[in-house]
């Protein structure tokens, strides 16, 4: 439990951002690399934004590295074709897990977790041995100002991955708890503490 306490505090650190952009998704163009970087890092704690590596999209919709960082976070920009804005930043130790999920979804695989479970058991890749943070920021397209790199009225979901952790080990509920953290996918390789703010 002692390892959880400083990590759960991560859920209390993040500020909310600001103002307005609206455009029909059919007409939406891919933002510039710098615009994608500015928006993607809004998902992260402010102190970690300058050093984060940022992945985003080229004009053909391919995910590519927009900025190499020297920190521990990897941020993924909003996919331009999405109806809603969503950016995420996660600890680099989660890269294999996140990358494989993106690949499987891109290929139209329905049972992503089942495939990843089988691959984990086969030793194709591994989850981190330590805890690792993930930060999500979501908003309506109308609440995103691409030019200013700001998001207004966004919802934040903070996650701390604790591979194979259980409710008994952590003292956390395994179902959503209003106003507090809870453990999702308890006992699984991707067990994680959920903490949402600002919805």
C-alpha atoms as a PDB file:
ATOM      1  CA  UNK A   1       0.000   0.000   0.000  1.00  0.00           C
ATOM      2  CA  UNK A   2       2.888   2.378   0.655  1.00  0.00           C
ATOM      3  CA  UNK A   3       3.801   2.357  -3.028  1.00  0.00           C
ATOM      4  CA  UNK A   4       0.250   3.444  -3.878  1.00  0.00           C
ATOM      5  CA  UNK A   5       0.082   6.571  -1.757  1.00  0.00           C
ATOM      6  CA  UNK A   6       2.432   8.828  -3.769  1.00  0.00           C
ATOM      7  CA  UNK A   7       0.977   7.519  -7.017  1.00  0.00           C
ATOM      8  CA  UNK A   8      -2.609   8.206  -6.057  1.00  0.00           C
ATOM      9  CA  UNK A   9      -1.551  11.754  -5.309  1.00  0.00           C
ATOM     10  CA  UNK A  10      -0.868  12.140  -9.048  1.00  0.00           C
ATOM     11  CA  UNK A  11      -4.616  12.278  -9.531  1.00  0.00           C
ATOM     12  CA  UNK A  12      -4.770  15.527  -7.578  1.00  0.00           C
ATOM     13  CA  UNK A  13      -2.064  17.481  -9.395  1.00  0.00           C
ATOM     14  CA  UNK A  14      -3.468  18.365 -12.803  1.00  0.00           C
ATOM     15  CA  UNK A  15      -4.830  21.781 -13.766  1.00  0.00           C
ATOM     16  CA  UNK A  16      -7.649  22.343 -16.274  1.00  0.00           C
ATOM     17  CA  UNK A  17      -7.036  24.336 -19.405  1.00  0.00           C
ATOM     18  CA  UNK A  18      -9.053  26.826 -21.583  1.00  0.00           C
ATOM     19  CA  UNK A  19     -11.063  28.186 -24.763  1.00  0.00           C
ATOM     20  CA  UNK A  20     -12.835  27.443 -28.058  1.00  0.00           C
ATOM     21  CA  UNK A  21     -12.655  25.854 -31.526  1.00  0.00           C
ATOM     22  CA  UNK A  22     -15.466  24.294 -33.513  1.00  0.00           C
ATOM     23  CA  UNK A  23     -15.338  22.647 -36.901  1.00  0.00           C
ATOM     24  CA  UNK A  24     -17.231  19.796 -38.479  1.00  0.00           C
ATOM     25  CA  UNK A  25     -15.036  16.692 -38.398  1.00  0.00           C
ATOM     26  CA  UNK A  26     -15.601  16.127 -42.121  1.00  0.00           C
ATOM     27  CA  UNK A  27     -13.978  19.506 -42.809  1.00  0.00           C
ATOM     28  CA  UNK A  28     -11.279  19.229 -40.176  1.00  0.00           C
ATOM     29  CA  UNK A  29      -7.671  19.294 -41.379  1.00  0.00           C
ATOM     30  CA  UNK A  30      -4.758  17.716 -39.601  1.00  0.00           C
ATOM     31  CA  UNK A  31      -3.277  20.337 -37.265  1.00  0.00           C
ATOM     32  CA  UNK A  32       0.368  21.223 -37.726  1.00  0.00           C
ATOM     33  CA  UNK A  33       2.970  19.234 -35.812  1.00  0.00           C
ATOM     34  CA  UNK A  34       3.401  22.080 -33.311  1.00  0.00           C
ATOM     35  CA  UNK A  35      -0.354  22.423 -32.791  1.00  0.00           C
ATOM     36  CA  UNK A  36      -0.634  18.700 -32.141  1.00  0.00           C
ATOM     37  CA  UNK A  37       2.255  18.853 -29.675  1.00  0.00           C
ATOM     38  CA  UNK A  38       0.764  21.825 -27.828  1.00  0.00           C
ATOM     39  CA  UNK A  39      -2.592  20.065 -27.433  1.00  0.00           C
ATOM     40  CA  UNK A  40      -1.266  16.565 -26.701  1.00  0.00           C
ATOM     41  CA  UNK A  41       0.828  17.647 -23.734  1.00  0.00           C
ATOM     42  CA  UNK A  42      -2.207  19.289 -22.119  1.00  0.00           C
ATOM     43  CA  UNK A  43      -3.097  15.796 -20.876  1.00  0.00           C
ATOM     44  CA  UNK A  44       0.069  15.643 -18.744  1.00  0.00           C
ATOM     45  CA  UNK A  45       0.949  17.333 -15.460  1.00  0.00           C
ATOM     46  CA  UNK A  46       2.330  20.756 -16.311  1.00  0.00           C
ATOM     47  CA  UNK A  47       5.825  20.039 -14.957  1.00  0.00           C
ATOM     48  CA  UNK A  48       6.192  17.001 -17.235  1.00  0.00           C
ATOM     49  CA  UNK A  49       5.004  18.605 -20.472  1.00  0.00           C
ATOM     50  CA  UNK A  50       8.279  20.136 -21.751  1.00  0.00           C
ATOM     51  CA  UNK A  51      10.191  16.839 -21.589  1.00  0.00           C
ATOM     52  CA  UNK A  52       7.536  14.508 -23.026  1.00  0.00           C
ATOM     53  CA  UNK A  53       7.956  12.668 -26.299  1.00  0.00           C
ATOM     54  CA  UNK A  54       4.965  13.395 -28.540  1.00  0.00           C
ATOM     55  CA  UNK A  55       3.383  11.154 -31.171  1.00  0.00           C
ATOM     56  CA  UNK A  56       0.951  12.609 -33.673  1.00  0.00           C
ATOM     57  CA  UNK A  57      -0.429  12.286 -37.166  1.00  0.00           C
ATOM     58  CA  UNK A  58       0.899  13.194 -40.592  1.00  0.00           C
ATOM     59  CA  UNK A  59      -1.299  14.353 -43.470  1.00  0.00           C
ATOM     60  CA  UNK A  60      -1.943  10.728 -44.444  1.00  0.00           C
ATOM     61  CA  UNK A  61      -3.212   9.856 -40.969  1.00  0.00           C
ATOM     62  CA  UNK A  62      -0.148   7.825 -39.979  1.00  0.00           C
ATOM     63  CA  UNK A  63       1.038   8.009 -36.385  1.00  0.00           C
ATOM     64  CA  UNK A  64       4.562   9.338 -36.205  1.00  0.00           C
ATOM     65  CA  UNK A  65       6.948  10.912 -33.710  1.00  0.00           C
ATOM     66  CA  UNK A  66       6.493  14.679 -33.719  1.00  0.00           C
ATOM     67  CA  UNK A  67       8.927  15.463 -30.927  1.00  0.00           C
ATOM     68  CA  UNK A  68      11.592  13.440 -29.162  1.00  0.00           C
ATOM     69  CA  UNK A  69      11.652  14.197 -25.446  1.00  0.00           C
ATOM     70  CA  UNK A  70      14.158  13.452 -22.712  1.00  0.00           C
ATOM     71  CA  UNK A  71      11.538  12.694 -20.047  1.00  0.00           C
ATOM     72  CA  UNK A  72       9.601   9.594 -19.034  1.00  0.00           C
ATOM     73  CA  UNK A  73       6.241  10.411 -20.646  1.00  0.00           C
ATOM     74  CA  UNK A  74       4.961   9.658 -24.134  1.00  0.00           C
ATOM     75  CA  UNK A  75       2.009  11.772 -25.255  1.00  0.00           C
ATOM     76  CA  UNK A  76      -0.315  10.835 -28.121  1.00  0.00           C
ATOM     77  CA  UNK A  77      -2.112  13.613 -29.977  1.00  0.00           C
ATOM     78  CA  UNK A  78      -5.794  13.614 -30.846  1.00  0.00           C
ATOM     79  CA  UNK A  79      -6.630  11.643 -33.973  1.00  0.00           C
ATOM     80  CA  UNK A  80      -7.970  14.247 -36.451  1.00  0.00           C
ATOM     81  CA  UNK A  81     -10.813  12.001 -37.656  1.00  0.00           C
ATOM     82  CA  UNK A  82     -12.295  11.638 -34.145  1.00  0.00           C
ATOM     83  CA  UNK A  83     -15.594  13.368 -33.369  1.00  0.00           C
ATOM     84  CA  UNK A  84     -14.335  14.318 -29.889  1.00  0.00           C
ATOM     85  CA  UNK A  85     -10.928  15.474 -28.758  1.00  0.00           C
ATOM     86  CA  UNK A  86      -8.822  12.966 -26.848  1.00  0.00           C
ATOM     87  CA  UNK A  87      -5.143  13.140 -25.902  1.00  0.00           C
ATOM     88  CA  UNK A  88      -3.211  10.875 -23.575  1.00  0.00           C
ATOM     89  CA  UNK A  89       0.205  10.712 -21.954  1.00  0.00           C
ATOM     90  CA  UNK A  90       1.699   7.600 -20.366  1.00  0.00           C
ATOM     91  CA  UNK A  91       4.911   6.397 -18.765  1.00  0.00           C
ATOM     92  CA  UNK A  92       7.366   5.007 -21.301  1.00  0.00           C
ATOM     93  CA  UNK A  93       7.279   1.581 -19.609  1.00  0.00           C
ATOM     94  CA  UNK A  94       3.728   1.177 -20.996  1.00  0.00           C
ATOM     95  CA  UNK A  95       4.814   1.700 -24.611  1.00  0.00           C
ATOM     96  CA  UNK A  96       4.675  -1.972 -25.662  1.00  0.00           C
ATOM     97  CA  UNK A  97       1.168  -2.356 -24.182  1.00  0.00           C
ATOM     98  CA  UNK A  98      -0.120   0.858 -25.751  1.00  0.00           C
ATOM     99  CA  UNK A  99       1.507   0.296 -29.139  1.00  0.00           C
ATOM    100  CA  UNK A 100       0.125  -3.226 -29.427  1.00  0.00           C
ATOM    101  CA  UNK A 101      -3.356  -1.997 -28.556  1.00  0.00           C
ATOM    102  CA  UNK A 102      -3.168   0.658 -31.275  1.00  0.00           C
ATOM    103  CA  UNK A 103      -1.967  -1.905 -33.822  1.00  0.00           C
ATOM    104  CA  UNK A 104      -4.741  -4.368 -33.041  1.00  0.00           C
ATOM    105  CA  UNK A 105      -7.477  -1.721 -33.143  1.00  0.00           C
ATOM    106  CA  UNK A 106      -6.109  -0.350 -36.417  1.00  0.00           C
ATOM    107  CA  UNK A 107      -6.328  -3.868 -37.852  1.00  0.00           C
ATOM    108  CA  UNK A 108      -9.943  -4.198 -36.713  1.00  0.00           C
ATOM    109  CA  UNK A 109      -9.298  -6.864 -34.076  1.00  0.00           C
ATOM    110  CA  UNK A 110     -12.352  -7.146 -31.828  1.00  0.00           C
ATOM    111  CA  UNK A 111     -10.858  -8.982 -28.837  1.00  0.00           C
ATOM    112  CA  UNK A 112      -7.854  -6.770 -28.215  1.00  0.00           C
ATOM    113  CA  UNK A 113      -7.359  -7.812 -24.582  1.00  0.00           C
ATOM    114  CA  UNK A 114      -7.599 -11.520 -25.410  1.00  0.00           C
ATOM    115  CA  UNK A 115      -4.904 -11.164 -28.060  1.00  0.00           C
ATOM    116  CA  UNK A 116      -2.666  -9.154 -25.754  1.00  0.00           C
ATOM    117  CA  UNK A 117      -3.180 -11.696 -22.974  1.00  0.00           C
ATOM    118  CA  UNK A 118      -2.052 -14.531 -25.262  1.00  0.00           C
ATOM    119  CA  UNK A 119       0.954 -12.533 -26.424  1.00  0.00           C
ATOM    120  CA  UNK A 120       1.936 -11.711 -22.856  1.00  0.00           C
ATOM    121  CA  UNK A 121       1.732 -15.377 -21.881  1.00  0.00           C
ATOM    122  CA  UNK A 122       3.870 -16.258 -24.915  1.00  0.00           C
ATOM    123  CA  UNK A 123       6.480 -13.715 -23.827  1.00  0.00           C
ATOM    124  CA  UNK A 124       6.142 -11.625 -26.993  1.00  0.00           C
ATOM    125  CA  UNK A 125       6.291  -8.453 -24.890  1.00  0.00           C
ATOM    126  CA  UNK A 126       5.775  -7.552 -21.243  1.00  0.00           C
ATOM    127  CA  UNK A 127       3.984  -5.190 -18.915  1.00  0.00           C
ATOM    128  CA  UNK A 128       6.105  -3.019 -16.617  1.00  0.00           C
ATOM    129  CA  UNK A 129       7.117  -4.579 -13.315  1.00  0.00           C
ATOM    130  CA  UNK A 130       6.589  -1.305 -11.477  1.00  0.00           C
ATOM    131  CA  UNK A 131       3.552   0.984 -11.317  1.00  0.00           C
ATOM    132  CA  UNK A 132       3.112   3.410 -14.211  1.00  0.00           C
ATOM    133  CA  UNK A 133       0.896   6.456 -14.817  1.00  0.00           C
ATOM    134  CA  UNK A 134      -1.447   7.327 -17.670  1.00  0.00           C
ATOM    135  CA  UNK A 135      -3.175  10.711 -18.113  1.00  0.00           C
ATOM    136  CA  UNK A 136      -6.185  11.259 -20.404  1.00  0.00           C
ATOM    137  CA  UNK A 137      -7.824  14.512 -21.487  1.00  0.00           C
ATOM    138  CA  UNK A 138     -11.104  14.478 -23.443  1.00  0.00           C
ATOM    139  CA  UNK A 139     -13.370  17.282 -24.649  1.00  0.00           C
ATOM    140  CA  UNK A 140     -15.948  18.217 -27.246  1.00  0.00           C
ATOM    141  CA  UNK A 141     -14.419  19.515 -30.476  1.00  0.00           C
ATOM    142  CA  UNK A 142     -16.115  22.868 -29.850  1.00  0.00           C
ATOM    143  CA  UNK A 143     -14.105  23.272 -26.639  1.00  0.00           C
ATOM    144  CA  UNK A 144     -10.707  22.975 -28.316  1.00  0.00           C
ATOM    145  CA  UNK A 145      -8.795  25.958 -29.663  1.00  0.00           C
ATOM    146  CA  UNK A 146      -6.241  24.431 -32.018  1.00  0.00           C
ATOM    147  CA  UNK A 147      -4.441  27.700 -32.760  1.00  0.00           C
ATOM    148  CA  UNK A 148      -4.037  28.572 -29.082  1.00  0.00           C
ATOM    149  CA  UNK A 149      -3.321  24.993 -27.997  1.00  0.00           C
ATOM    150  CA  UNK A 150      -5.939  25.081 -25.254  1.00  0.00           C
ATOM    151  CA  UNK A 151      -8.849  22.939 -24.079  1.00  0.00           C
ATOM    152  CA  UNK A 152     -11.892  24.197 -22.167  1.00  0.00           C
ATOM    153  CA  UNK A 153     -14.319  22.095 -20.115  1.00  0.00           C
ATOM    154  CA  UNK A 154     -12.173  18.999 -20.590  1.00  0.00           C
ATOM    155  CA  UNK A 155     -12.572  15.816 -18.596  1.00  0.00           C
ATOM    156  CA  UNK A 156      -9.494  14.241 -17.065  1.00  0.00           C
ATOM    157  CA  UNK A 157      -9.040  10.579 -16.276  1.00  0.00           C
ATOM    158  CA  UNK A 158      -5.891   9.590 -14.396  1.00  0.00           C
ATOM    159  CA  UNK A 159      -4.755   5.992 -14.243  1.00  0.00           C
ATOM    160  CA  UNK A 160      -1.980   4.192 -12.382  1.00  0.00           C
ATOM    161  CA  UNK A 161      -1.222   0.744 -13.777  1.00  0.00           C
ATOM    162  CA  UNK A 162      -0.455  -1.868 -11.118  1.00  0.00           C
ATOM    163  CA  UNK A 163      -0.027  -5.107 -13.083  1.00  0.00           C
ATOM    164  CA  UNK A 164      -1.848  -8.058 -11.478  1.00  0.00           C
ATOM    165  CA  UNK A 165      -2.888  -6.029  -8.404  1.00  0.00           C
ATOM    166  CA  UNK A 166      -6.033  -7.048  -6.517  1.00  0.00           C
ATOM    167  CA  UNK A 167      -8.494  -5.240  -4.306  1.00  0.00           C
ATOM    168  CA  UNK A 168      -7.300  -7.255  -1.327  1.00  0.00           C
ATOM    169  CA  UNK A 169      -3.683  -6.224  -1.908  1.00  0.00           C
ATOM    170  CA  UNK A 170      -4.433  -2.545  -2.383  1.00  0.00           C
ATOM    171  CA  UNK A 171      -7.468  -1.890  -0.181  1.00  0.00           C
ATOM    172  CA  UNK A 172      -9.230  -0.347  -3.177  1.00  0.00           C
ATOM    173  CA  UNK A 173     -12.790  -1.077  -4.334  1.00  0.00           C
ATOM    174  CA  UNK A 174     -12.997  -2.986  -7.602  1.00  0.00           C
ATOM    175  CA  UNK A 175     -16.066  -1.075  -8.813  1.00  0.00           C
ATOM    176  CA  UNK A 176     -16.396   2.672  -9.469  1.00  0.00           C
ATOM    177  CA  UNK A 177     -16.374   4.699  -6.264  1.00  0.00           C
ATOM    178  CA  UNK A 178     -17.843   8.191  -6.425  1.00  0.00           C
ATOM    179  CA  UNK A 179     -15.230  10.794  -5.570  1.00  0.00           C
ATOM    180  CA  UNK A 180     -12.413   8.324  -5.103  1.00  0.00           C
ATOM    181  CA  UNK A 181     -10.041   5.902  -6.817  1.00  0.00           C
ATOM    182  CA  UNK A 182     -10.938   2.323  -7.648  1.00  0.00           C
ATOM    183  CA  UNK A 183      -9.145  -0.687  -9.133  1.00  0.00           C
ATOM    184  CA  UNK A 184     -10.241  -1.742 -12.617  1.00  0.00           C
ATOM    185  CA  UNK A 185      -9.392  -5.130 -14.164  1.00  0.00           C
ATOM    186  CA  UNK A 186      -8.192  -6.418 -10.793  1.00  0.00           C
ATOM    187  CA  UNK A 187      -5.810  -9.360 -11.092  1.00  0.00           C
ATOM    188  CA  UNK A 188      -5.166  -8.772 -14.788  1.00  0.00           C
ATOM    189  CA  UNK A 189      -1.822  -7.758 -16.343  1.00  0.00           C
ATOM    190  CA  UNK A 190      -3.365  -4.333 -17.013  1.00  0.00           C
ATOM    191  CA  UNK A 191      -4.957  -3.837 -13.577  1.00  0.00           C
ATOM    192  CA  UNK A 192      -5.088  -0.121 -12.933  1.00  0.00           C
ATOM    193  CA  UNK A 193      -6.270   2.480 -10.441  1.00  0.00           C
ATOM    194  CA  UNK A 194      -8.830   4.861 -11.974  1.00  0.00           C
ATOM    195  CA  UNK A 195      -9.307   8.430 -10.825  1.00  0.00           C
ATOM    196  CA  UNK A 196     -11.426  10.881 -12.813  1.00  0.00           C
ATOM    197  CA  UNK A 197     -11.608  14.666 -12.468  1.00  0.00           C
ATOM    198  CA  UNK A 198     -13.589  17.416 -14.159  1.00  0.00           C
ATOM    199  CA  UNK A 199     -16.255  15.488 -16.058  1.00  0.00           C
END
